[in-house]
Amino acid sequence: MQILQDLSSAFSFAADLIVRAHLTDPTGTPTNTPDIRAFMTEAAVLKCYIGWERFLEQSFAHYMLGAASTTGKKVVAYAQPPSIAHALRMPIGTQRYMDWGNPQIVLKVADLFLENGEPYKSCISAILSDLTDMRAIRNAAAHLSTSTSEQLDKIALRRLNRAQAGITVYELVTAPDPSGAGHSLLESYTGQLAAAATHIAAA
C-alpha cells in the first residue's frame, strides 16, 4: 500500500532532520544554534503528524472505494462513492473540513461509514491518550500559546515522570522516554503511529 510507504518515508525524513539538527563539527561543537535545532525538531514533529493525518485520510478513501488491504481483505463500507474525490469529501459533510488529526472525530467517522468502525476503531482506541498527546504537541509546534504550553507541562509530568513548567516542544520530544528502551519521546510516539498504520493497512 503506497500510502503506508509514504507514512514511513515521512517518519524517516523527520528522523533524518533531527539528526541533521544535532550535527557537530570535528571538535564536537554543534553546527546549529539552539534556535535552529529547536526549529528543525519542531518541523520534524509537524512532518510526522501531517504524515499520519494524510495516511488516515487516504486509507479511508482507499477502503471506501472497495480496495483491498495489504492482506487482501475488503472492508465493509456503508456507502459507495463514485470516485476518490467524492470519497475524500464524504467525511467533511456540511463542515468546512475534516479534522483527521482529532482521534475522537476519526472514531466517529469510522463508526459512521465502516462496519464496526474497523480497521480504525480498535487500534485508535488503544492509543487514544497518546494520540491526544501528539495532537497537543503538534499544535504547540505550530502555534505556541498559554493553553498549549500548559498541555505540554501536563504531558511532561505524565510521560517523563517529572514536573517541568514551561517545557518546550524541543525539550519534550527529544527527552528520553522512561518506558521507551532508550528512545526519545518522539521516537516512541512515531513507533506507535507506525504500528497503528500497519494494523489499519492490514485491516
Protein backbone atom coordinates (compact mmCIF):
# COMPACT_ATOMS: atom_id res chain seq x y z
CA MET A 1 0.00 0.00 0.00
CA GLN A 2 1.65 3.19 -1.22
CA ILE A 3 0.11 5.37 1.49
CA LEU A 4 1.75 3.21 4.16
CA GLN A 5 5.11 3.62 2.41
CA ASP A 6 4.52 7.37 2.24
CA LEU A 7 4.00 7.50 6.01
CA SER A 8 7.17 5.50 6.60
CA SER A 9 9.04 7.93 4.34
CA ALA A 10 7.68 10.88 6.34
CA PHE A 11 8.91 9.33 9.58
CA SER A 12 12.33 8.61 8.07
CA PHE A 13 12.60 12.17 6.76
CA ALA A 14 11.71 13.54 10.20
CA ALA A 15 14.26 11.32 11.93
CA ASP A 16 16.96 12.42 9.48
CA LEU A 17 16.03 16.06 10.03
CA ILE A 18 16.53 15.68 13.77
CA VAL A 19 19.90 14.02 13.19
CA ARG A 20 20.93 16.92 10.96
CA ALA A 21 19.74 19.39 13.58
CA HIS A 22 22.23 17.92 16.05
CA LEU A 23 25.29 17.61 13.82
CA THR A 24 28.62 18.69 15.26
CA ASP A 25 31.92 19.72 13.71
CA PRO A 26 35.17 17.75 14.20
CA THR A 27 35.72 19.47 17.57
CA GLY A 28 32.32 18.40 18.84
CA THR A 29 30.81 21.87 18.58
CA PRO A 30 27.19 21.93 17.36
CA THR A 31 26.92 23.24 13.81
CA ASN A 32 23.47 24.68 14.50
CA THR A 33 22.40 27.22 17.09
CA PRO A 34 19.87 26.15 19.77
CA ASP A 35 17.12 28.07 17.95
CA ILE A 36 17.82 26.28 14.68
CA ARG A 37 17.95 22.89 16.42
CA ALA A 38 14.58 23.59 18.01
CA PHE A 39 13.10 24.83 14.74
CA MET A 40 14.26 21.76 12.81
CA THR A 41 12.95 19.44 15.53
CA GLU A 42 9.56 21.16 15.57
CA ALA A 43 9.45 20.83 11.78
CA ALA A 44 10.09 17.10 12.22
CA VAL A 45 7.17 16.86 14.65
CA LEU A 46 4.88 18.55 12.14
CA LYS A 47 6.12 16.28 9.35
CA CYS A 48 5.27 13.18 11.39
CA TYR A 49 1.81 14.29 12.41
CA ILE A 50 0.84 15.63 9.00
CA GLY A 51 2.01 12.31 7.55
CA TRP A 52 -0.27 10.49 9.99
CA GLU A 53 -3.25 12.70 9.11
CA ARG A 54 -2.67 12.12 5.41
CA PHE A 55 -2.43 8.36 5.97
CA LEU A 56 -5.78 8.33 7.76
CA GLU A 57 -7.43 10.41 5.03
CA GLN A 58 -6.05 8.39 2.13
CA SER A 59 -6.59 4.97 3.72
CA PHE A 60 -10.20 5.90 4.50
CA ALA A 61 -10.80 6.81 0.85
CA HIS A 62 -9.00 3.59 -0.17
CA TYR A 63 -11.40 1.44 1.83
CA MET A 64 -14.50 3.43 0.88
CA LEU A 65 -13.71 2.70 -2.77
CA GLY A 66 -13.66 -1.02 -2.03
CA ALA A 67 -9.91 -1.52 -2.39
CA ALA A 68 -8.27 -4.38 -0.53
CA SER A 69 -5.95 -4.16 2.46
CA THR A 70 -2.32 -5.30 2.42
CA THR A 71 -3.55 -8.74 3.47
CA GLY A 72 -6.17 -8.87 0.72
CA LYS A 73 -9.15 -8.15 2.96
CA LYS A 74 -12.08 -5.98 1.92
CA VAL A 75 -13.54 -3.59 4.48
CA VAL A 76 -17.33 -3.39 4.70
CA ALA A 77 -18.33 0.21 3.90
CA TYR A 78 -21.83 1.64 4.25
CA ALA A 79 -21.53 3.78 1.13
CA GLN A 80 -20.01 3.51 -2.35
CA PRO A 81 -18.55 6.80 -3.58
CA PRO A 82 -18.05 7.06 -7.34
CA SER A 83 -14.53 8.49 -7.14
CA ILE A 84 -11.65 9.14 -4.76
CA ALA A 85 -12.50 12.85 -4.78
CA HIS A 86 -16.03 12.03 -3.63
CA ALA A 87 -14.72 9.61 -1.01
CA LEU A 88 -12.49 12.34 0.42
CA ARG A 89 -15.42 14.76 0.61
CA MET A 90 -17.78 12.37 2.40
CA PRO A 91 -16.33 12.73 5.94
CA ILE A 92 -16.47 16.52 5.57
CA GLY A 93 -20.24 16.52 5.20
CA THR A 94 -21.52 20.05 5.71
CA GLN A 95 -18.44 21.15 7.66
CA ARG A 96 -15.60 23.25 6.29
CA TYR A 97 -13.06 20.43 6.62
CA MET A 98 -12.45 17.03 8.16
CA ASP A 99 -10.02 17.13 11.09
CA TRP A 100 -8.06 13.89 10.65
CA GLY A 101 -5.77 14.98 13.48
CA ASN A 102 -8.58 14.67 16.03
CA PRO A 103 -8.79 10.99 17.05
CA GLN A 104 -12.27 11.36 18.54
CA ILE A 105 -13.63 12.67 15.23
CA VAL A 106 -11.82 9.93 13.30
CA LEU A 107 -13.51 7.33 15.52
CA LYS A 108 -16.94 8.86 14.88
CA VAL A 109 -16.37 8.96 11.11
CA ALA A 110 -15.10 5.38 11.06
CA ASP A 111 -18.12 4.22 13.05
CA LEU A 112 -20.46 6.07 10.70
CA PHE A 113 -19.07 4.78 7.39
CA LEU A 114 -17.39 1.44 8.16
CA GLU A 115 -18.70 -1.75 9.77
CA ASN A 116 -17.84 -1.70 13.49
CA GLY A 117 -15.60 1.29 12.77
CA GLU A 118 -12.83 -1.03 11.65
CA PRO A 119 -9.97 -1.19 10.87
CA TYR A 120 -9.63 2.14 12.74
CA LYS A 121 -11.64 1.78 15.92
CA SER A 122 -9.66 -0.84 17.84
CA CYS A 123 -6.15 0.49 17.21
CA ILE A 124 -7.01 4.19 17.59
CA SER A 125 -8.92 3.49 20.80
CA ALA A 126 -5.91 1.59 22.14
CA ILE A 127 -3.60 4.60 21.77
CA LEU A 128 -6.17 7.37 22.22
CA SER A 129 -4.30 9.04 25.10
CA ASP A 130 -1.04 9.10 23.17
CA LEU A 131 -2.76 10.40 20.03
CA THR A 132 -4.23 13.20 22.13
CA ASP A 133 -0.75 13.98 23.44
CA MET A 134 0.70 14.03 19.93
CA ARG A 135 -2.04 16.35 18.74
CA ALA A 136 -1.26 18.74 21.60
CA ILE A 137 2.47 18.63 20.78
CA ARG A 138 1.73 19.20 17.10
CA ASN A 139 -0.46 22.21 17.95
CA ALA A 140 2.24 23.65 20.20
CA ALA A 141 4.82 23.24 17.43
CA ALA A 142 2.51 25.07 15.02
CA HIS A 143 1.41 27.87 17.34
CA LEU A 144 2.53 28.03 20.97
CA SER A 145 0.06 29.69 23.33
CA THR A 146 -0.65 29.66 27.06
CA SER A 147 -3.08 26.75 26.68
CA THR A 148 -0.76 24.64 24.51
CA SER A 149 2.13 25.36 26.88
CA GLU A 150 0.07 24.09 29.81
CA GLN A 151 -0.74 20.94 27.85
CA LEU A 152 2.98 20.32 27.27
CA ASP A 153 3.61 20.65 31.01
CA LYS A 154 0.94 18.01 31.71
CA ILE A 155 2.38 15.64 29.10
CA ALA A 156 5.86 16.04 30.58
CA LEU A 157 4.59 15.23 34.06
CA ARG A 158 2.74 12.14 32.85
CA ARG A 159 5.21 10.77 30.31
CA LEU A 160 8.55 11.85 31.74
CA ASN A 161 7.54 11.46 35.39
CA ARG A 162 8.73 14.91 36.29
CA ALA A 163 7.28 18.38 36.54
CA GLN A 164 8.90 20.95 34.25
CA ALA A 165 6.94 24.15 33.96
CA GLY A 166 7.35 25.86 30.61
CA ILE A 167 8.85 22.85 28.84
CA THR A 168 9.29 23.42 25.11
CA VAL A 169 8.31 21.13 22.25
CA TYR A 170 12.01 20.55 21.60
CA GLU A 171 12.77 19.61 25.21
CA LEU A 172 9.76 17.33 25.41
CA VAL A 173 10.13 15.31 22.21
CA THR A 174 13.90 14.87 22.48
CA ALA A 175 13.74 13.74 26.12
CA PRO A 176 14.38 10.03 26.73
CA ASP A 177 11.14 8.11 27.17
CA PRO A 178 11.34 6.37 30.59
CA SER A 179 9.44 3.41 29.13
CA GLY A 180 10.92 3.58 25.65
CA ALA A 181 14.05 1.41 25.86
CA GLY A 182 16.39 4.31 25.16
CA HIS A 183 14.17 6.00 22.60
CA SER A 184 13.23 9.64 22.66
CA LEU A 185 9.61 10.50 23.33
CA LEU A 186 9.10 11.38 19.65
CA GLU A 187 10.55 8.02 18.60
CA SER A 188 8.13 6.25 20.95
CA TYR A 189 5.19 8.20 19.57
CA THR A 190 6.09 7.60 15.93
CA GLY A 191 6.62 3.93 16.70
CA GLN A 192 3.04 3.76 17.93
CA LEU A 193 1.79 5.57 14.84
CA ALA A 194 3.70 3.18 12.58
CA ALA A 195 2.25 0.15 14.38
CA ALA A 196 -1.28 1.59 14.19
CA ALA A 197 -0.88 2.38 10.49
CA THR A 198 0.35 -1.16 9.77
CA HIS A 199 -2.73 -2.54 11.56
CA ILE A 200 -5.08 -0.25 9.62
CA ALA A 201 -3.40 -1.11 6.32
CA ALA A 202 -3.77 -4.83 7.05
CA ALA A 203 -7.43 -4.46 8.14
